[in-house]
Amino acid sequence: MAKPIYLCSLREHAGKSFLSIGMIQKLKKEGKKFAYFKPIGVPISAFTNKSDPDVGFILNTVYKTDHPYDYISPVSIPDVYYVDLVDANKKGEYLERIQNAYDKIVEDVDYIIIEGNPSIRKFIRVGIDDLSIAEYLGIRDLVYVSVESSDRCIDNFFFTKKYFESRNMNILGVLFNKIDFEYIARIKELVEGHITKYNIPVLGIVEKNVELFSPRVIEIKEQIGGELVNEQTSAGLNNLVETFLIGAMNVQGALKYLRQVKSAAFITGGDRTDLAMAALEQEVSTLILTGFIQPDMGVITLANEKGIPIILSPSDTYTTMRNLERLRPGIQEDEMEKVLSLIEKEIDWDLLL
């Protein structure tokens, strides 16, 4: 009988796909028979095809299978307007579809990695939340993924623990993910004082890796609907962006901040030639010009010399930044080994498996 590893979280964007990718590679390396399952996929929008981009990425990279997509992710509900799109009367149909697909892919495997909903609260209104799905599948123990780099992680953990108990469900273990380096020592203190004494194991503390969790310029371009001005720097679309800076000051003020950071995306108006030139001299990862204002030819020339892509945003600076706040960078195909290395080192596999 396959052992389920059901990943769930209280907060959205907890890195469950990232963990799934690492676990798949680890099980493959250990020679285990396994399956990957995402009961409810989340398409990009209500008007695209039904496929979840994370599921598609996993199927195209680390998890090759003969099972059709509908077995791997049997239900599809887009995040946009999902409250209007999900009919509570279809609860039984959804759960049955999930059960049928689960039964097919769980045959002849040792483990099944189940990537839960964006959060344990999602879809609770219609009874297809993580705990309802797990209970329907006969699973009582779930892995809780925590991503807070603050003491709030303890309150959220105990809220989740009590909620699980009220539903007659259990936390198999806690997996801290995407934790800031400077907070790891504090997490270890909290684990000893507040978690392990309740006989709930901590499965691992995975540090937030800047390289893996930082967006690339091409992801930023797609997020804001931008246009690459200087095509000859297209190789720079793979540059990592560790921080964003908005240029709305004089040159000296901008230089003060630019010299304190690295791999920055510098955002300013297309008419601020002075700021654009200053940012390029500091060799930022990309220059984002807002208002769809074409830059001065001198800016383009300098950017070409340094191989820095210039992205033209169709929106004003405020709207551009708001759009970037919604950016959720994904793992790239050439980062698979780095994911495995990080996951393999930080997770207690004896406890998990």
Protein backbone atom coordinates (compact mmCIF):
# COMPACT_ATOMS: atom_id res chain seq x y z
CA MET A 1 0.00 0.00 0.00
CA ALA A 2 1.38 3.40 -1.00
CA LYS A 3 2.34 5.88 1.71
CA PRO A 4 0.80 9.32 0.99
CA ILE A 5 2.84 12.48 1.53
CA TYR A 6 0.08 15.11 1.46
CA LEU A 7 1.55 18.63 1.44
CA CYS A 8 -0.74 21.35 2.82
CA SER A 9 -0.27 24.88 4.15
CA LEU A 10 -2.17 27.62 5.94
CA ARG A 11 -0.64 30.31 3.73
CA GLU A 12 -0.68 30.37 -0.04
CA HIS A 13 2.55 30.28 -2.07
CA ALA A 14 4.24 28.01 0.47
CA GLY A 15 6.40 26.28 -2.15
CA LYS A 16 4.54 22.98 -2.34
CA SER A 17 5.42 22.55 -6.03
CA PHE A 18 9.07 23.22 -5.20
CA LEU A 19 8.98 20.60 -2.44
CA SER A 20 7.21 18.15 -4.76
CA ILE A 21 9.95 18.57 -7.38
CA GLY A 22 12.64 17.88 -4.79
CA MET A 23 10.82 14.88 -3.31
CA ILE A 24 10.18 13.36 -6.73
CA GLN A 25 13.89 13.55 -7.53
CA LYS A 26 14.87 12.10 -4.15
CA LEU A 27 12.48 9.13 -4.49
CA LYS A 28 13.71 8.56 -8.03
CA LYS A 29 17.30 8.62 -6.81
CA GLU A 30 16.46 6.09 -4.08
CA GLY A 31 14.88 3.78 -6.63
CA LYS A 32 11.41 4.01 -5.09
CA LYS A 33 8.18 3.57 -7.01
CA PHE A 34 6.17 6.75 -6.65
CA ALA A 35 3.42 8.89 -8.11
CA TYR A 36 2.65 12.62 -8.08
CA PHE A 37 -0.91 13.87 -7.64
CA LYS A 38 -2.52 17.31 -7.48
CA PRO A 39 -6.26 16.83 -6.84
CA ILE A 40 -7.25 20.36 -7.88
CA GLY A 41 -5.20 22.16 -10.49
CA VAL A 42 -5.18 25.94 -10.77
CA PRO A 43 -5.07 27.27 -14.37
CA ILE A 44 -3.71 30.75 -14.99
CA SER A 45 -7.15 32.15 -15.76
CA ALA A 46 -10.72 31.17 -16.46
CA PHE A 47 -10.18 31.76 -20.17
CA THR A 48 -7.11 29.59 -20.79
CA ASN A 49 -6.96 25.81 -21.09
CA LYS A 50 -7.57 23.86 -17.92
CA SER A 51 -3.96 22.84 -17.27
CA ASP A 52 -2.13 23.97 -14.13
CA PRO A 53 1.29 25.41 -15.14
CA ASP A 54 3.02 23.82 -12.12
CA VAL A 55 1.60 20.39 -12.94
CA GLY A 56 2.58 20.83 -16.58
CA PHE A 57 6.11 21.81 -15.59
CA ILE A 58 6.51 18.78 -13.32
CA LEU A 59 5.18 16.43 -16.01
CA ASN A 60 7.58 17.90 -18.57
CA THR A 61 10.65 17.71 -16.34
CA VAL A 62 10.95 15.38 -13.34
CA TYR A 63 7.87 13.17 -13.54
CA LYS A 64 7.46 11.31 -16.81
CA THR A 65 4.38 9.07 -16.74
CA ASP A 66 2.06 7.25 -19.08
CA HIS A 67 -0.94 8.43 -17.08
CA PRO A 68 -2.95 11.18 -18.80
CA TYR A 69 -3.06 14.68 -17.31
CA ASP A 70 -6.60 14.11 -15.98
CA TYR A 71 -5.29 11.33 -13.73
CA ILE A 72 -2.56 13.54 -12.29
CA SER A 73 -4.84 16.53 -11.71
CA PRO A 74 -8.49 15.46 -12.15
CA VAL A 75 -10.23 18.72 -11.15
CA SER A 76 -9.43 22.16 -12.57
CA ILE A 77 -10.57 25.40 -10.93
CA PRO A 78 -9.05 28.75 -11.99
CA ASP A 79 -8.18 31.17 -9.22
CA VAL A 80 -9.89 34.10 -10.92
CA TYR A 81 -13.58 34.30 -9.98
CA TYR A 82 -13.40 30.80 -8.53
CA VAL A 83 -16.13 31.60 -5.98
CA ASP A 84 -18.55 32.14 -8.85
CA LEU A 85 -17.26 29.19 -10.88
CA VAL A 86 -17.40 26.48 -8.20
CA ASP A 87 -20.86 24.97 -7.80
CA ALA A 88 -21.33 23.52 -4.29
CA ASN A 89 -23.73 20.98 -5.76
CA LYS A 90 -20.80 19.42 -7.62
CA LYS A 91 -18.95 18.45 -4.44
CA GLY A 92 -19.80 14.77 -4.87
CA GLU A 93 -18.80 14.80 -8.53
CA TYR A 94 -15.47 16.48 -7.76
CA LEU A 95 -14.62 14.10 -4.92
CA GLU A 96 -15.55 11.05 -6.98
CA ARG A 97 -13.41 12.27 -9.86
CA ILE A 98 -10.49 12.78 -7.47
CA GLN A 99 -10.98 9.33 -5.92
CA ASN A 100 -11.13 7.56 -9.29
CA ALA A 101 -7.95 9.24 -10.51
CA TYR A 102 -6.18 8.59 -7.21
CA ASP A 103 -7.05 4.89 -7.31
CA LYS A 104 -5.58 4.58 -10.79
CA ILE A 105 -2.23 6.26 -10.16
CA VAL A 106 -1.65 4.81 -6.68
CA GLU A 107 -1.45 1.24 -7.99
CA ASP A 108 1.97 -0.41 -7.68
CA VAL A 109 3.77 2.54 -6.05
CA ASP A 110 5.49 2.87 -2.69
CA TYR A 111 4.79 6.57 -2.21
CA ILE A 112 2.44 9.18 -3.58
CA ILE A 113 3.27 12.86 -3.29
CA ILE A 114 0.05 14.88 -3.08
CA GLU A 115 0.28 18.62 -3.67
CA GLY A 116 -2.59 20.21 -1.80
CA ASN A 117 -4.66 23.30 -2.52
CA PRO A 118 -3.10 26.78 -2.30
CA SER A 119 -4.16 26.77 1.38
CA ILE A 120 -6.20 24.56 3.71
CA ARG A 121 -8.91 27.27 3.65
CA LYS A 122 -9.36 27.16 -0.11
CA PHE A 123 -12.63 25.60 -1.31
CA ILE A 124 -13.83 24.89 2.24
CA ARG A 125 -17.14 26.55 1.33
CA VAL A 126 -17.94 23.71 -1.07
CA GLY A 127 -16.30 20.86 0.81
CA ILE A 128 -13.37 20.19 -1.46
CA ASP A 129 -10.72 21.66 0.83
CA ASP A 130 -7.56 19.67 1.65
CA LEU A 131 -8.94 18.00 4.74
CA SER A 132 -12.16 16.98 3.01
CA ILE A 133 -10.22 15.52 0.09
CA ALA A 134 -7.79 13.70 2.38
CA GLU A 135 -10.61 12.25 4.45
CA TYR A 136 -12.43 11.09 1.30
CA LEU A 137 -9.24 9.36 0.14
CA GLY A 138 -8.78 7.69 3.52
CA ILE A 139 -5.76 9.80 4.49
CA ARG A 140 -5.58 11.00 8.10
CA ASP A 141 -2.04 12.40 8.32
CA LEU A 142 -0.87 15.45 6.35
CA VAL A 143 2.44 17.30 6.15
CA TYR A 144 2.07 20.93 7.28
CA VAL A 145 4.29 23.38 5.35
CA SER A 146 5.14 26.61 7.21
CA VAL A 147 6.79 29.59 5.50
CA GLU A 148 6.80 32.36 8.10
CA SER A 149 10.21 33.72 9.02
CA SER A 150 8.76 35.15 12.24
CA ASP A 151 7.38 34.00 15.58
CA ARG A 152 3.91 34.03 13.97
CA CYS A 153 4.76 30.58 12.68
CA ILE A 154 3.98 29.18 16.14
CA ASP A 155 0.53 30.77 16.39
CA ASN A 156 -0.28 29.60 12.87
CA PHE A 157 0.99 26.10 13.67
CA PHE A 158 -1.18 25.78 16.76
CA PHE A 159 -4.19 27.21 14.95
CA THR A 160 -3.69 24.55 12.28
CA LYS A 161 -3.13 21.82 14.88
CA LYS A 162 -6.37 22.65 16.69
CA TYR A 163 -8.24 22.88 13.40
CA PHE A 164 -6.96 19.46 12.37
CA GLU A 165 -8.02 18.01 15.72
CA SER A 166 -11.51 19.45 15.28
CA ARG A 167 -11.70 17.56 11.97
CA ASN A 168 -10.25 14.34 13.44
CA MET A 169 -7.14 14.70 11.29
CA ASN A 170 -3.45 14.65 12.23
CA ILE A 171 -0.28 16.53 11.34
CA LEU A 172 2.27 13.98 10.20
CA GLY A 173 5.04 16.52 10.63
CA VAL A 174 6.00 20.17 10.12
CA LEU A 175 8.18 21.21 7.20
CA PHE A 176 9.55 24.75 7.37
CA ASN A 177 10.13 26.04 3.84
CA LYS A 178 11.62 29.19 2.28
CA ILE A 179 12.92 30.39 5.67
CA ASP A 180 15.20 33.46 5.71
CA PHE A 181 18.78 32.52 6.62
CA GLU A 182 18.92 34.94 9.55
CA TYR A 183 15.79 33.37 11.08
CA ILE A 184 16.82 29.72 10.96
CA ALA A 185 18.50 29.77 14.40
CA ARG A 186 15.31 31.23 15.90
CA ILE A 187 13.19 28.57 14.18
CA LYS A 188 15.33 25.89 15.81
CA GLU A 189 14.74 27.48 19.23
CA LEU A 190 10.98 27.55 18.63
CA VAL A 191 11.00 23.94 17.49
CA GLU A 192 12.55 22.77 20.76
CA GLY A 193 10.38 24.93 22.98
CA HIS A 194 7.00 24.72 21.27
CA ILE A 195 6.66 21.92 18.70
CA THR A 196 8.58 18.72 19.39
CA LYS A 197 7.27 18.47 22.95
CA TYR A 198 3.83 17.81 21.43
CA ASN A 199 5.25 14.74 19.68
CA ILE A 200 4.90 16.29 16.25
CA PRO A 201 8.16 15.81 14.33
CA VAL A 202 9.86 18.59 12.40
CA LEU A 203 10.66 17.11 9.01
CA GLY A 204 13.10 19.81 7.97
CA ILE A 205 13.99 23.50 7.78
CA VAL A 206 14.60 24.55 4.18
CA GLU A 207 16.39 27.85 3.75
CA LYS A 208 15.08 30.40 1.27
CA ASN A 209 17.54 30.10 -1.58
CA VAL A 210 17.92 33.47 -3.30
CA GLU A 211 18.92 31.90 -6.60
CA LEU A 212 15.98 29.48 -6.69
CA PHE A 213 13.30 31.82 -5.40
CA SER A 214 14.30 34.98 -7.26
CA PRO A 215 12.55 35.79 -10.55
CA ARG A 216 14.35 36.04 -13.83
CA VAL A 217 13.98 39.08 -16.06
CA ILE A 218 11.86 37.15 -18.55
CA GLU A 219 9.33 36.33 -15.79
CA ILE A 220 9.16 40.02 -14.90
CA LYS A 221 8.66 40.96 -18.54
CA GLU A 222 5.76 38.51 -18.86
CA GLN A 223 4.20 39.58 -15.58
CA ILE A 224 3.97 43.26 -16.53
CA GLY A 225 3.23 42.68 -20.22
CA GLY A 226 6.46 44.44 -21.08
CA GLU A 227 8.41 44.76 -24.31
CA LEU A 228 12.14 44.14 -24.73
CA VAL A 229 13.60 47.32 -26.25
CA ASN A 230 17.10 46.05 -27.08
CA GLU A 231 16.87 42.59 -28.66
CA GLN A 232 20.64 42.09 -28.73
CA THR A 233 20.60 41.70 -24.92
CA SER A 234 18.06 38.87 -25.01
CA ALA A 235 20.52 36.58 -23.16
CA GLY A 236 20.07 38.92 -20.20
CA LEU A 237 16.42 37.83 -19.90
CA ASN A 238 17.80 34.96 -17.80
CA ASN A 239 19.36 37.37 -15.29
CA LEU A 240 18.19 36.87 -11.71
CA VAL A 241 16.52 39.76 -9.89
CA GLU A 242 17.03 39.80 -6.14
CA THR A 243 15.45 43.17 -5.41
CA PHE A 244 13.41 45.98 -6.96
CA LEU A 245 14.29 49.66 -6.77
CA ILE A 246 12.05 52.54 -7.85
CA GLY A 247 13.85 55.58 -9.21
CA ALA A 248 11.88 58.62 -8.14
CA MET A 249 14.69 60.73 -6.68
CA ASN A 250 17.77 62.59 -7.90
CA VAL A 251 20.81 60.73 -9.22
CA GLN A 252 22.79 60.97 -5.98
CA GLY A 253 19.88 59.55 -4.02
CA ALA A 254 19.49 56.70 -6.48
CA LEU A 255 23.20 55.85 -6.40
CA LYS A 256 23.05 55.56 -2.61
CA TYR A 257 20.60 52.68 -2.91
CA LEU A 258 22.00 51.13 -6.07
CA ARG A 259 25.40 50.68 -4.41
CA GLN A 260 23.82 48.77 -1.51
CA VAL A 261 22.18 46.04 -3.57
CA LYS A 262 23.02 43.59 -6.30
CA SER A 263 21.03 41.99 -9.11
CA ALA A 264 18.41 44.75 -8.96
CA ALA A 265 15.59 45.61 -11.32
CA PHE A 266 15.57 49.40 -11.52
CA ILE A 267 12.15 50.90 -12.27
CA THR A 268 11.80 54.48 -13.44
CA GLY A 269 10.01 56.62 -16.00
CA GLY A 270 11.14 56.40 -19.60
CA ASP A 271 11.84 60.13 -19.55
CA ARG A 272 14.32 59.89 -16.63
CA THR A 273 17.46 59.51 -18.74
CA ASP A 274 19.71 60.60 -15.87
CA LEU A 275 18.44 57.85 -13.56
CA ALA A 276 18.51 55.22 -16.29
CA MET A 277 22.16 55.99 -17.10
CA ALA A 278 23.11 55.90 -13.41
CA ALA A 279 21.43 52.50 -12.96
CA LEU A 280 23.15 51.05 -16.02
CA GLU A 281 26.54 52.18 -14.71
CA GLN A 282 25.85 50.09 -11.59
CA GLU A 283 25.14 47.09 -13.83
CA VAL A 284 21.63 46.25 -12.67
CA SER A 285 19.95 43.02 -13.85
CA THR A 286 17.40 44.95 -15.88
CA LEU A 287 16.07 48.44 -16.45
CA ILE A 288 12.28 48.78 -16.45
CA LEU A 289 10.96 51.98 -18.03
CA THR A 290 7.35 52.82 -17.25
CA GLY A 291 4.68 54.74 -19.11
CA PHE A 292 5.70 53.11 -22.40
CA ILE A 293 8.07 56.00 -23.00
CA GLN A 294 10.91 55.09 -25.36
CA PRO A 295 14.35 55.70 -23.84
CA ASP A 296 17.02 58.04 -25.13
CA MET A 297 19.38 56.45 -27.68
CA GLY A 298 22.27 56.93 -25.27
CA VAL A 299 20.48 54.72 -22.73
CA ILE A 300 20.00 51.97 -25.32
CA THR A 301 23.65 52.19 -26.43
CA LEU A 302 24.99 51.88 -22.87
CA ALA A 303 22.59 49.04 -22.06
CA ASN A 304 23.73 47.17 -25.17
CA GLU A 305 27.38 47.62 -24.21
CA LYS A 306 26.72 46.13 -20.77
CA GLY A 307 24.28 43.44 -21.93
CA ILE A 308 21.46 44.78 -19.74
CA PRO A 309 17.91 44.27 -21.07
CA ILE A 310 15.58 47.27 -21.10
CA ILE A 311 11.94 46.39 -20.54
CA LEU A 312 9.28 48.86 -21.59
CA SER A 313 6.23 48.71 -19.31
CA PRO A 314 2.83 49.77 -20.69
CA SER A 315 1.75 50.95 -17.22
CA ASP A 316 2.71 53.79 -14.90
CA THR A 317 5.26 53.15 -12.14
CA TYR A 318 2.68 52.48 -9.42
CA THR A 319 0.72 49.98 -11.50
CA THR A 320 3.91 48.29 -12.69
CA MET A 321 5.03 47.76 -9.10
CA ARG A 322 1.61 46.45 -8.08
CA ASN A 323 1.76 43.92 -10.91
CA LEU A 324 5.23 42.85 -9.78
CA GLU A 325 3.96 42.28 -6.25
CA ARG A 326 1.80 39.49 -7.68
CA LEU A 327 4.78 37.83 -9.36
CA ARG A 328 5.41 34.28 -8.16
CA PRO A 329 8.71 33.12 -9.67
CA GLY A 330 8.89 29.47 -10.64
CA ILE A 331 11.66 26.91 -10.70
CA GLN A 332 13.44 26.73 -14.05
CA GLU A 333 14.34 23.54 -15.88
CA ASP A 334 18.08 24.13 -15.46
CA GLU A 335 17.68 24.36 -11.66
CA MET A 336 16.54 20.79 -10.98
CA GLU A 337 19.86 19.66 -9.50
CA LYS A 338 19.94 22.66 -7.17
CA VAL A 339 16.43 21.83 -5.94
CA LEU A 340 17.42 18.23 -5.24
CA SER A 341 20.61 19.28 -3.45
CA LEU A 342 18.74 21.67 -1.16
CA ILE A 343 15.84 19.33 -0.41
CA GLU A 344 18.06 16.28 0.07
CA LYS A 345 20.23 18.08 2.60
CA GLU A 346 17.56 19.76 4.69
CA ILE A 347 14.78 17.15 5.03
CA ASP A 348 14.89 14.30 7.55
CA TRP A 349 14.08 11.48 5.15
CA ASP A 350 14.03 8.83 7.88
CA LEU A 351 11.12 10.68 9.49
CA LEU A 352 9.30 11.45 6.26
CA LEU A 353 9.60 8.07 4.56
